[in-house]
Amino acid sequence: MDQELAIENFSALAQDSRLAIFRLLVQKEPKGLPVGEISRQLDIVPSTLSGHLGILKRAGLLKSTRLQREIHYTANLEHMGILIGFMLQDCCKGQVENCGDIISLVNS
């Protein structure tokens, strides 16, 4: 991942509703949720939700599948792992043993 893509990802998450959407979908892994259920659980009107979902999907943070007439969204955990890896790749100048606190947070 390059810095520009990382900035795009963080920009996508740097808004209350979009961060809430991503966190909700992380909780609902691996099945995810249909758009209507995301709207209901977060109390976001569908027209507004659509824009937020589009931003998160374009950033690579969400995946979608169509099940008949319904669109289901899931968090793209692989992509988030790459983003986290980008942020931590230079942790402690390569001295991983000095990064115990960070590693324990990721593993908890």
PDB file of N, CA and C in Angstrom:
ATOM      1  N   MET A   1       0.859  -1.170   0.000  1.00  0.00           N
ATOM      2  CA  MET A   1       0.000   0.000   0.000  1.00  0.00           C
ATOM      3  C   MET A   1       0.902   1.228   0.000  1.00  0.00           C
ATOM      4  N   ASP A   2       0.505   2.220  -0.768  1.00  0.00           N
ATOM      5  CA  ASP A   2       1.281   3.459  -0.771  1.00  0.00           C
ATOM      6  C   ASP A   2       0.583   4.511   0.093  1.00  0.00           C
ATOM      7  N   GLN A   3       1.278   5.589   0.328  1.00  0.00           N
ATOM      8  CA  GLN A   3       0.777   6.624   1.227  1.00  0.00           C
ATOM      9  C   GLN A   3      -0.512   7.263   0.715  1.00  0.00           C
ATOM     10  N   GLU A   4      -0.623   7.463  -0.596  1.00  0.00           N
ATOM     11  CA  GLU A   4      -1.837   8.073  -1.150  1.00  0.00           C
ATOM     12  C   GLU A   4      -3.069   7.225  -0.878  1.00  0.00           C
ATOM     13  N   LEU A   5      -2.943   5.919  -1.079  1.00  0.00           N
ATOM     14  CA  LEU A   5      -4.061   5.018  -0.820  1.00  0.00           C
ATOM     15  C   LEU A   5      -4.394   4.980   0.673  1.00  0.00           C
ATOM     16  N   ALA A   6      -3.386   4.995   1.522  1.00  0.00           N
ATOM     17  CA  ALA A   6      -3.626   5.021   2.966  1.00  0.00           C
ATOM     18  C   ALA A   6      -4.394   6.281   3.356  1.00  0.00           C
ATOM     19  N   ILE A   7      -4.013   7.408   2.787  1.00  0.00           N
ATOM     20  CA  ILE A   7      -4.709   8.665   3.087  1.00  0.00           C
ATOM     21  C   ILE A   7      -6.156   8.592   2.614  1.00  0.00           C
ATOM     22  N   GLU A   8      -6.382   8.020   1.444  1.00  0.00           N
ATOM     23  CA  GLU A   8      -7.750   7.855   0.936  1.00  0.00           C
ATOM     24  C   GLU A   8      -8.573   6.983   1.883  1.00  0.00           C
ATOM     25  N   ASN A   9      -7.964   5.915   2.383  1.00  0.00           N
ATOM     26  CA  ASN A   9      -8.661   5.031   3.313  1.00  0.00           C
ATOM     27  C   ASN A   9      -9.004   5.750   4.608  1.00  0.00           C
ATOM     28  N   PHE A  10      -8.051   6.454   5.173  1.00  0.00           N
ATOM     29  CA  PHE A  10      -8.325   7.182   6.410  1.00  0.00           C
ATOM     30  C   PHE A  10      -9.341   8.295   6.193  1.00  0.00           C
ATOM     31  N   SER A  11      -9.303   8.933   5.032  1.00  0.00           N
ATOM     32  CA  SER A  11     -10.305   9.965   4.714  1.00  0.00           C
ATOM     33  C   SER A  11     -11.699   9.358   4.668  1.00  0.00           C
ATOM     34  N   ALA A  12     -11.804   8.164   4.107  1.00  0.00           N
ATOM     35  CA  ALA A  12     -13.106   7.493   4.036  1.00  0.00           C
ATOM     36  C   ALA A  12     -13.641   7.181   5.429  1.00  0.00           C
ATOM     37  N   LEU A  13     -12.761   6.860   6.347  1.00  0.00           N
ATOM     38  CA  LEU A  13     -13.185   6.523   7.714  1.00  0.00           C
ATOM     39  C   LEU A  13     -13.324   7.743   8.619  1.00  0.00           C
ATOM     40  N   ALA A  14     -12.862   8.900   8.164  1.00  0.00           N
ATOM     41  CA  ALA A  14     -12.815  10.095   9.009  1.00  0.00           C
ATOM     42  C   ALA A  14     -14.145  10.847   9.003  1.00  0.00           C
ATOM     43  N   GLN A  15     -15.214  10.131   9.230  1.00  0.00           N
ATOM     44  CA  GLN A  15     -16.549  10.715   9.296  1.00  0.00           C
ATOM     45  C   GLN A  15     -17.373   9.803  10.198  1.00  0.00           C
ATOM     46  N   ASP A  16     -18.174  10.373  11.074  1.00  0.00           N
ATOM     47  CA  ASP A  16     -18.896   9.598  12.096  1.00  0.00           C
ATOM     48  C   ASP A  16     -19.683   8.421  11.532  1.00  0.00           C
ATOM     49  N   SER A  17     -20.530   8.677  10.546  1.00  0.00           N
ATOM     50  CA  SER A  17     -21.390   7.616  10.017  1.00  0.00           C
ATOM     51  C   SER A  17     -20.589   6.529   9.326  1.00  0.00           C
ATOM     52  N   ARG A  18     -19.582   6.917   8.548  1.00  0.00           N
ATOM     53  CA  ARG A  18     -18.797   5.912   7.833  1.00  0.00           C
ATOM     54  C   ARG A  18     -17.991   5.046   8.800  1.00  0.00           C
ATOM     55  N   LEU A  19     -17.443   5.655   9.831  1.00  0.00           N
ATOM     56  CA  LEU A  19     -16.726   4.868  10.838  1.00  0.00           C
ATOM     57  C   LEU A  19     -17.688   3.912  11.545  1.00  0.00           C
ATOM     58  N   ALA A  20     -18.886   4.379  11.852  1.00  0.00           N
ATOM     59  CA  ALA A  20     -19.896   3.531  12.498  1.00  0.00           C
ATOM     60  C   ALA A  20     -20.300   2.375  11.576  1.00  0.00           C
ATOM     61  N   ILE A  21     -20.445   2.642  10.299  1.00  0.00           N
ATOM     62  CA  ILE A  21     -20.791   1.592   9.335  1.00  0.00           C
ATOM     63  C   ILE A  21     -19.699   0.531   9.312  1.00  0.00           C
ATOM     64  N   PHE A  22     -18.458   0.965   9.199  1.00  0.00           N
ATOM     65  CA  PHE A  22     -17.359   0.002   9.137  1.00  0.00           C
ATOM     66  C   PHE A  22     -17.291  -0.829  10.412  1.00  0.00           C
ATOM     67  N   ARG A  23     -17.400  -0.195  11.553  1.00  0.00           N
ATOM     68  CA  ARG A  23     -17.325  -0.914  12.830  1.00  0.00           C
ATOM     69  C   ARG A  23     -18.494  -1.894  12.986  1.00  0.00           C
ATOM     70  N   LEU A  24     -19.682  -1.495  12.560  1.00  0.00           N
ATOM     71  CA  LEU A  24     -20.838  -2.396  12.610  1.00  0.00           C
ATOM     72  C   LEU A  24     -20.586  -3.624  11.740  1.00  0.00           C
ATOM     73  N   LEU A  25     -20.082  -3.408  10.539  1.00  0.00           N
ATOM     74  CA  LEU A  25     -19.856  -4.530   9.634  1.00  0.00           C
ATOM     75  C   LEU A  25     -18.730  -5.440  10.114  1.00  0.00           C
ATOM     76  N   VAL A  26     -17.753  -4.893  10.804  1.00  0.00           N
ATOM     77  CA  VAL A  26     -16.707  -5.728  11.404  1.00  0.00           C
ATOM     78  C   VAL A  26     -17.341  -6.660  12.444  1.00  0.00           C
ATOM     79  N   GLN A  27     -18.284  -6.144  13.212  1.00  0.00           N
ATOM     80  CA  GLN A  27     -18.970  -6.959  14.224  1.00  0.00           C
ATOM     81  C   GLN A  27     -19.792  -8.070  13.587  1.00  0.00           C
ATOM     82  N   LYS A  28     -20.262  -7.853  12.373  1.00  0.00           N
ATOM     83  CA  LYS A  28     -21.169  -8.796  11.712  1.00  0.00           C
ATOM     84  C   LYS A  28     -20.445  -9.746  10.753  1.00  0.00           C
ATOM     85  N   GLU A  29     -19.123  -9.769  10.821  1.00  0.00           N
ATOM     86  CA  GLU A  29     -18.360 -10.694   9.974  1.00  0.00           C
ATOM     87  C   GLU A  29     -18.672 -12.131  10.366  1.00  0.00           C
ATOM     88  N   PRO A  30     -18.657 -13.069   9.442  1.00  0.00           N
ATOM     89  CA  PRO A  30     -18.343 -12.918   8.030  1.00  0.00           C
ATOM     90  C   PRO A  30     -19.552 -12.660   7.141  1.00  0.00           C
ATOM     91  N   LYS A  31     -20.756 -12.687   7.703  1.00  0.00           N
ATOM     92  CA  LYS A  31     -21.959 -12.579   6.875  1.00  0.00           C
ATOM     93  C   LYS A  31     -22.253 -11.166   6.395  1.00  0.00           C
ATOM     94  N   GLY A  32     -21.922 -10.157   7.198  1.00  0.00           N
ATOM     95  CA  GLY A  32     -22.264  -8.794   6.836  1.00  0.00           C
ATOM     96  C   GLY A  32     -23.747  -8.522   7.041  1.00  0.00           C
ATOM     97  N   LEU A  33     -24.209  -7.453   6.410  1.00  0.00           N
ATOM     98  CA  LEU A  33     -25.608  -7.046   6.565  1.00  0.00           C
ATOM     99  C   LEU A  33     -26.148  -6.481   5.255  1.00  0.00           C
ATOM    100  N   PRO A  34     -27.458  -6.619   5.048  1.00  0.00           N
ATOM    101  CA  PRO A  34     -28.072  -5.938   3.915  1.00  0.00           C
ATOM    102  C   PRO A  34     -28.198  -4.439   4.202  1.00  0.00           C
ATOM    103  N   VAL A  35     -28.305  -3.670   3.153  1.00  0.00           N
ATOM    104  CA  VAL A  35     -28.370  -2.209   3.282  1.00  0.00           C
ATOM    105  C   VAL A  35     -29.478  -1.775   4.234  1.00  0.00           C
ATOM    106  N   GLY A  36     -30.652  -2.375   4.111  1.00  0.00           N
ATOM    107  CA  GLY A  36     -31.773  -1.983   4.966  1.00  0.00           C
ATOM    108  C   GLY A  36     -31.490  -2.175   6.442  1.00  0.00           C
ATOM    109  N   GLU A  37     -30.786  -3.234   6.760  1.00  0.00           N
ATOM    110  CA  GLU A  37     -30.458  -3.507   8.162  1.00  0.00           C
ATOM    111  C   GLU A  37     -29.399  -2.540   8.679  1.00  0.00           C
ATOM    112  N   ILE A  38     -28.435  -2.188   7.838  1.00  0.00           N
ATOM    113  CA  ILE A  38     -27.438  -1.179   8.229  1.00  0.00           C
ATOM    114  C   ILE A  38     -28.155   0.134   8.523  1.00  0.00           C
ATOM    115  N   SER A  39     -29.072   0.500   7.636  1.00  0.00           N
ATOM    116  CA  SER A  39     -29.847   1.739   7.793  1.00  0.00           C
ATOM    117  C   SER A  39     -30.626   1.724   9.102  1.00  0.00           C
ATOM    118  N   ARG A  40     -31.279   0.607   9.391  1.00  0.00           N
ATOM    119  CA  ARG A  40     -32.094   0.500  10.599  1.00  0.00           C
ATOM    120  C   ARG A  40     -31.234   0.550  11.861  1.00  0.00           C
ATOM    121  N   GLN A  41     -30.142  -0.223  11.883  1.00  0.00           N
ATOM    122  CA  GLN A  41     -29.332  -0.293  13.093  1.00  0.00           C
ATOM    123  C   GLN A  41     -28.617   1.013  13.405  1.00  0.00           C
ATOM    124  N   LEU A  42     -28.247   1.761  12.365  1.00  0.00           N
ATOM    125  CA  LEU A  42     -27.506   3.006  12.597  1.00  0.00           C
ATOM    126  C   LEU A  42     -28.377   4.252  12.448  1.00  0.00           C
ATOM    127  N   ASP A  43     -29.645   4.039  12.122  1.00  0.00           N
ATOM    128  CA  ASP A  43     -30.587   5.147  11.954  1.00  0.00           C
ATOM    129  C   ASP A  43     -30.061   6.184  10.945  1.00  0.00           C
ATOM    130  N   ILE A  44     -29.662   5.665   9.774  1.00  0.00           N
ATOM    131  CA  ILE A  44     -29.199   6.524   8.679  1.00  0.00           C
ATOM    132  C   ILE A  44     -30.176   6.328   7.529  1.00  0.00           C
ATOM    133  N   VAL A  45     -30.715   7.418   7.001  1.00  0.00           N
ATOM    134  CA  VAL A  45     -31.673   7.300   5.902  1.00  0.00           C
ATOM    135  C   VAL A  45     -30.986   6.667   4.690  1.00  0.00           C
ATOM    136  N   PRO A  46     -31.730   5.829   3.938  1.00  0.00           N
ATOM    137  CA  PRO A  46     -31.116   5.093   2.828  1.00  0.00           C
ATOM    138  C   PRO A  46     -30.381   5.954   1.799  1.00  0.00           C
ATOM    139  N   SER A  47     -30.893   7.113   1.481  1.00  0.00           N
ATOM    140  CA  SER A  47     -30.220   7.947   0.477  1.00  0.00           C
ATOM    141  C   SER A  47     -28.857   8.428   0.977  1.00  0.00           C
ATOM    142  N   THR A  48     -28.763   8.780   2.227  1.00  0.00           N
ATOM    143  CA  THR A  48     -27.490   9.193   2.821  1.00  0.00           C
ATOM    144  C   THR A  48     -26.552   7.990   2.971  1.00  0.00           C
ATOM    145  N   LEU A  49     -27.117   6.872   3.401  1.00  0.00           N
ATOM    146  CA  LEU A  49     -26.339   5.653   3.591  1.00  0.00           C
ATOM    147  C   LEU A  49     -25.683   5.218   2.290  1.00  0.00           C
ATOM    148  N   SER A  50     -26.396   5.326   1.205  1.00  0.00           N
ATOM    149  CA  SER A  50     -25.869   4.930  -0.099  1.00  0.00           C
ATOM    150  C   SER A  50     -24.570   5.665  -0.433  1.00  0.00           C
ATOM    151  N   GLY A  51     -24.537   6.951  -0.175  1.00  0.00           N
ATOM    152  CA  GLY A  51     -23.327   7.726  -0.423  1.00  0.00           C
ATOM    153  C   GLY A  51     -22.175   7.280   0.452  1.00  0.00           C
ATOM    154  N   HIS A  52     -22.445   7.033   1.719  1.00  0.00           N
ATOM    155  CA  HIS A  52     -21.400   6.580   2.640  1.00  0.00           C
ATOM    156  C   HIS A  52     -20.857   5.210   2.225  1.00  0.00           C
ATOM    157  N   LEU A  53     -21.763   4.297   1.865  1.00  0.00           N
ATOM    158  CA  LEU A  53     -21.337   2.963   1.441  1.00  0.00           C
ATOM    159  C   LEU A  53     -20.478   3.044   0.186  1.00  0.00           C
ATOM    160  N   GLY A  54     -20.848   3.927  -0.733  1.00  0.00           N
ATOM    161  CA  GLY A  54     -20.068   4.102  -1.961  1.00  0.00           C
ATOM    162  C   GLY A  54     -18.654   4.576  -1.674  1.00  0.00           C
ATOM    163  N   ILE A  55     -18.512   5.520  -0.774  1.00  0.00           N
ATOM    164  CA  ILE A  55     -17.182   6.038  -0.417  1.00  0.00           C
ATOM    165  C   ILE A  55     -16.330   4.932   0.205  1.00  0.00           C
ATOM    166  N   LEU A  56     -16.908   4.174   1.115  1.00  0.00           N
ATOM    167  CA  LEU A  56     -16.166   3.096   1.772  1.00  0.00           C
ATOM    168  C   LEU A  56     -15.807   1.984   0.789  1.00  0.00           C
ATOM    169  N   LYS A  57     -16.713   1.687  -0.128  1.00  0.00           N
ATOM    170  CA  LYS A  57     -16.438   0.638  -1.108  1.00  0.00           C
ATOM    171  C   LYS A  57     -15.349   1.083  -2.086  1.00  0.00           C
ATOM    172  N   ARG A  58     -15.406   2.315  -2.566  1.00  0.00           N
ATOM    173  CA  ARG A  58     -14.377   2.820  -3.486  1.00  0.00           C
ATOM    174  C   ARG A  58     -12.996   2.837  -2.825  1.00  0.00           C
ATOM    175  N   ALA A  59     -12.962   3.045  -1.520  1.00  0.00           N
ATOM    176  CA  ALA A  59     -11.692   3.036  -0.787  1.00  0.00           C
ATOM    177  C   ALA A  59     -11.186   1.609  -0.564  1.00  0.00           C
ATOM    178  N   GLY A  60     -12.023   0.613  -0.860  1.00  0.00           N
ATOM    179  CA  GLY A  60     -11.620  -0.778  -0.686  1.00  0.00           C
ATOM    180  C   GLY A  60     -11.922  -1.336   0.689  1.00  0.00           C
ATOM    181  N   LEU A  61     -12.602  -0.574   1.515  1.00  0.00           N
ATOM    182  CA  LEU A  61     -12.867  -0.993   2.893  1.00  0.00           C
ATOM    183  C   LEU A  61     -14.093  -1.895   3.034  1.00  0.00           C
ATOM    184  N   LEU A  62     -14.962  -1.901   2.021  1.00  0.00           N
ATOM    185  CA  LEU A  62     -16.155  -2.743   2.033  1.00  0.00           C
ATOM    186  C   LEU A  62     -16.217  -3.562   0.756  1.00  0.00           C
ATOM    187  N   LYS A  63     -16.903  -4.688   0.852  1.00  0.00           N
ATOM    188  CA  LYS A  63     -17.236  -5.511  -0.307  1.00  0.00           C
ATOM    189  C   LYS A  63     -18.751  -5.639  -0.339  1.00  0.00           C
ATOM    190  N   SER A  64     -19.299  -5.791  -1.530  1.00  0.00           N
ATOM    191  CA  SER A  64     -20.745  -5.962  -1.644  1.00  0.00           C
ATOM    192  C   SER A  64     -21.069  -7.137  -2.548  1.00  0.00           C
ATOM    193  N   THR A  65     -22.194  -7.756  -2.252  1.00  0.00           N
ATOM    194  CA  THR A  65     -22.731  -8.817  -3.096  1.00  0.00           C
ATOM    195  C   THR A  65     -24.233  -8.604  -3.209  1.00  0.00           C
ATOM    196  N   ARG A  66     -24.750  -8.957  -4.359  1.00  0.00           N
ATOM    197  CA  ARG A  66     -26.192  -8.845  -4.568  1.00  0.00           C
ATOM    198  C   ARG A  66     -26.825 -10.203  -4.323  1.00  0.00           C
ATOM    199  N   LEU A  67     -27.814 -10.241  -3.451  1.00  0.00           N
ATOM    200  CA  LEU A  67     -28.595 -11.439  -3.182  1.00  0.00           C
ATOM    201  C   LEU A  67     -30.028 -11.137  -3.588  1.00  0.00           C
ATOM    202  N   GLN A  68     -30.376 -11.570  -4.773  1.00  0.00           N
ATOM    203  CA  GLN A  68     -31.660 -11.256  -5.391  1.00  0.00           C
ATOM    204  C   GLN A  68     -31.810  -9.739  -5.512  1.00  0.00           C
ATOM    205  N   ARG A  69     -32.735  -9.147  -4.802  1.00  0.00           N
ATOM    206  CA  ARG A  69     -32.956  -7.699  -4.911  1.00  0.00           C
ATOM    207  C   ARG A  69     -32.235  -6.902  -3.829  1.00  0.00           C
ATOM    208  N   GLU A  70     -31.446  -7.577  -3.021  1.00  0.00           N
ATOM    209  CA  GLU A  70     -30.846  -6.943  -1.858  1.00  0.00           C
ATOM    210  C   GLU A  70     -29.322  -6.918  -1.995  1.00  0.00           C
ATOM    211  N   ILE A  71     -28.728  -5.794  -1.599  1.00  0.00           N
ATOM    212  CA  ILE A  71     -27.268  -5.701  -1.603  1.00  0.00           C
ATOM    213  C   ILE A  71     -26.775  -5.904  -0.175  1.00  0.00           C
ATOM    214  N   HIS A  72     -25.841  -6.825  -0.039  1.00  0.00           N
ATOM    215  CA  HIS A  72     -25.229  -7.162   1.243  1.00  0.00           C
ATOM    216  C   HIS A  72     -23.833  -6.563   1.284  1.00  0.00           C
ATOM    217  N   TYR A  73     -23.462  -5.961   2.399  1.00  0.00           N
ATOM    218  CA  TYR A  73     -22.120  -5.395   2.560  1.00  0.00           C
ATOM    219  C   TYR A  73     -21.378  -6.135   3.665  1.00  0.00           C
ATOM    220  N   THR A  74     -20.079  -6.315   3.444  1.00  0.00           N
ATOM    221  CA  THR A  74     -19.189  -6.867   4.456  1.00  0.00           C
ATOM    222  C   THR A  74     -17.953  -5.984   4.543  1.00  0.00           C
ATOM    223  N   ALA A  75     -17.327  -5.990   5.694  1.00  0.00           N
ATOM    224  CA  ALA A  75     -16.061  -5.270   5.858  1.00  0.00           C
ATOM    225  C   ALA A  75     -14.979  -6.048   5.115  1.00  0.00           C
ATOM    226  N   ASN A  76     -14.098  -5.344   4.444  1.00  0.00           N
ATOM    227  CA  ASN A  76     -12.981  -5.976   3.756  1.00  0.00           C
ATOM    228  C   ASN A  76     -11.810  -6.035   4.745  1.00  0.00           C
ATOM    229  N   LEU A  77     -11.805  -7.084   5.557  1.00  0.00           N
ATOM    230  CA  LEU A  77     -10.809  -7.200   6.620  1.00  0.00           C
ATOM    231  C   LEU A  77      -9.404  -7.399   6.065  1.00  0.00           C
ATOM    232  N   GLU A  78      -9.295  -8.043   4.926  1.00  0.00           N
ATOM    233  CA  GLU A  78      -7.976  -8.206   4.309  1.00  0.00           C
ATOM    234  C   GLU A  78      -7.386  -6.841   3.957  1.00  0.00           C
ATOM    235  N   HIS A  79      -8.213  -5.981   3.401  1.00  0.00           N
ATOM    236  CA  HIS A  79      -7.758  -4.639   3.048  1.00  0.00           C
ATOM    237  C   HIS A  79      -7.376  -3.842   4.303  1.00  0.00           C
ATOM    238  N   MET A  80      -8.187  -3.960   5.353  1.00  0.00           N
ATOM    239  CA  MET A  80      -7.877  -3.262   6.606  1.00  0.00           C
ATOM    240  C   MET A  80      -6.568  -3.786   7.185  1.00  0.00           C
ATOM    241  N   GLY A  81      -6.321  -5.087   7.067  1.00  0.00           N
ATOM    242  CA  GLY A  81      -5.064  -5.651   7.527  1.00  0.00           C
ATOM    243  C   GLY A  81      -3.869  -5.058   6.793  1.00  0.00           C
ATOM    244  N   ILE A  82      -4.036  -4.836   5.499  1.00  0.00           N
ATOM    245  CA  ILE A  82      -2.972  -4.202   4.711  1.00  0.00           C
ATOM    246  C   ILE A  82      -2.752  -2.766   5.181  1.00  0.00           C
ATOM    247  N   LEU A  83      -3.831  -2.046   5.461  1.00  0.00           N
ATOM    248  CA  LEU A  83      -3.734  -0.673   5.951  1.00  0.00           C
ATOM    249  C   LEU A  83      -3.030  -0.630   7.309  1.00  0.00           C
ATOM    250  N   ILE A  84      -3.399  -1.518   8.200  1.00  0.00           N
ATOM    251  CA  ILE A  84      -2.755  -1.574   9.514  1.00  0.00           C
ATOM    252  C   ILE A  84      -1.282  -1.946   9.352  1.00  0.00           C
ATOM    253  N   GLY A  85      -1.009  -2.886   8.476  1.00  0.00           N
ATOM    254  CA  GLY A  85       0.373  -3.272   8.208  1.00  0.00           C
ATOM    255  C   GLY A  85       1.189  -2.104   7.687  1.00  0.00           C
ATOM    256  N   PHE A  86       0.596  -1.299   6.809  1.00  0.00           N
ATOM    257  CA  PHE A  86       1.272  -0.105   6.293  1.00  0.00           C
ATOM    258  C   PHE A  86       1.624   0.837   7.444  1.00  0.00           C
ATOM    259  N   MET A  87       0.690   1.016   8.366  1.00  0.00           N
ATOM    260  CA  MET A  87       0.920   1.927   9.484  1.00  0.00           C
ATOM    261  C   MET A  87       1.998   1.410  10.429  1.00  0.00           C
ATOM    262  N   LEU A  88       2.132   0.105  10.543  1.00  0.00           N
ATOM    263  CA  LEU A  88       3.056  -0.467  11.518  1.00  0.00           C
ATOM    264  C   LEU A  88       4.337  -1.020  10.906  1.00  0.00           C
ATOM    265  N   GLN A  89       4.499  -0.895   9.592  1.00  0.00           N
ATOM    266  CA  GLN A  89       5.638  -1.552   8.943  1.00  0.00           C
ATOM    267  C   GLN A  89       6.990  -1.060   9.445  1.00  0.00           C
ATOM    268  N   ASP A  90       7.062   0.149   9.917  1.00  0.00           N
ATOM    269  CA  ASP A  90       8.337   0.668  10.410  1.00  0.00           C
ATOM    270  C   ASP A  90       8.373   0.743  11.934  1.00  0.00           C
ATOM    271  N   CYS A  91       7.464   0.017  12.578  1.00  0.00           N
ATOM    272  CA  CYS A  91       7.357   0.045  14.029  1.00  0.00           C
ATOM    273  C   CYS A  91       8.695  -0.306  14.673  1.00  0.00           C
ATOM    274  N   CYS A  92       9.126   0.543  15.559  1.00  0.00           N
ATOM    275  CA  CYS A  92      10.342   0.319  16.344  1.00  0.00           C
ATOM    276  C   CYS A  92      11.558   0.061  15.462  1.00  0.00           C
ATOM    277  N   LYS A  93      11.554   0.650  14.281  1.00  0.00           N
ATOM    278  CA  LYS A  93      12.668   0.510  13.327  1.00  0.00           C
ATOM    279  C   LYS A  93      13.037  -0.948  13.081  1.00  0.00           C
ATOM    280  N   GLY A  94      11.985  -1.779  12.976  1.00  0.00           N
ATOM    281  CA  GLY A  94      12.206  -3.186  12.680  1.00  0.00           C
ATOM    282  C   GLY A  94      12.486  -4.053  13.890  1.00  0.00           C
ATOM    283  N   GLN A  95      12.584  -3.475  15.044  1.00  0.00           N
ATOM    284  CA  GLN A  95      12.837  -4.234  16.275  1.00  0.00           C
ATOM    285  C   GLN A  95      11.490  -4.674  16.859  1.00  0.00           C
ATOM    286  N   VAL A  96      10.934  -5.738  16.292  1.00  0.00           N
ATOM    287  CA  VAL A  96       9.583  -6.185  16.644  1.00  0.00           C
ATOM    288  C   VAL A  96       9.433  -6.443  18.135  1.00  0.00           C
ATOM    289  N   GLU A  97      10.482  -6.876  18.780  1.00  0.00           N
ATOM    290  CA  GLU A  97      10.394  -7.161  20.218  1.00  0.00           C
ATOM    291  C   GLU A  97      10.052  -5.909  21.033  1.00  0.00           C
ATOM    292  N   ASN A  98      10.281  -4.726  20.472  1.00  0.00           N
ATOM    293  CA  ASN A  98       9.938  -3.482  21.158  1.00  0.00           C
ATOM    294  C   ASN A  98       8.496  -3.050  20.909  1.00  0.00           C
ATOM    295  N   CYS A  99       7.779  -3.797  20.091  1.00  0.00           N
ATOM    296  CA  CYS A  99       6.410  -3.424  19.709  1.00  0.00           C
ATOM    297  C   CYS A  99       5.370  -4.288  20.408  1.00  0.00           C
ATOM    298  N   GLY A 100       5.706  -4.865  21.517  1.00  0.00           N
ATOM    299  CA  GLY A 100       4.803  -5.778  22.224  1.00  0.00           C
ATOM    300  C   GLY A 100       3.445  -5.187  22.542  1.00  0.00           C
ATOM    301  N   ASP A 101       3.423  -3.926  22.983  1.00  0.00           N
ATOM    302  CA  ASP A 101       2.146  -3.300  23.331  1.00  0.00           C
ATOM    303  C   ASP A 101       1.223  -3.201  22.122  1.00  0.00           C
ATOM    304  N   ILE A 102       1.771  -2.810  20.993  1.00  0.00           N
ATOM    305  CA  ILE A 102       0.971  -2.670  19.771  1.00  0.00           C
ATOM    306  C   ILE A 102       0.504  -4.038  19.299  1.00  0.00           C
ATOM    307  N   ILE A 103       1.394  -4.998  19.279  1.00  0.00           N
ATOM    308  CA  ILE A 103       1.043  -6.335  18.812  1.00  0.00           C
ATOM    309  C   ILE A 103      -0.030  -6.947  19.698  1.00  0.00           C
ATOM    310  N   SER A 104       0.048  -6.741  21.004  1.00  0.00           N
ATOM    311  CA  SER A 104      -0.959  -7.289  21.898  1.00  0.00           C
ATOM    312  C   SER A 104      -2.321  -6.637  21.664  1.00  0.00           C
ATOM    313  N   LEU A 105      -2.359  -5.373  21.292  1.00  0.00           N
ATOM    314  CA  LEU A 105      -3.626  -4.718  20.961  1.00  0.00           C
ATOM    315  C   LEU A 105      -4.250  -5.323  19.721  1.00  0.00           C
ATOM    316  N   VAL A 106      -3.444  -5.576  18.715  1.00  0.00           N
ATOM    317  CA  VAL A 106      -3.932  -6.166  17.462  1.00  0.00           C
ATOM    318  C   VAL A 106      -4.431  -7.580  17.704  1.00  0.00           C
ATOM    319  N   ASN A 107      -3.769  -8.328  18.564  1.00  0.00           N
ATOM    320  CA  ASN A 107      -4.152  -9.722  18.816  1.00  0.00           C
ATOM    321  C   ASN A 107      -5.279  -9.877  19.825  1.00  0.00           C
ATOM    322  N   SER A 108      -5.690  -8.804  20.496  1.00  0.00           N
ATOM    323  CA  SER A 108      -6.746  -8.954  21.515  1.00  0.00           C
ATOM    324  C   SER A 108      -8.126  -8.789  20.944  1.00  0.00           C
TER     325      SER A 108
END
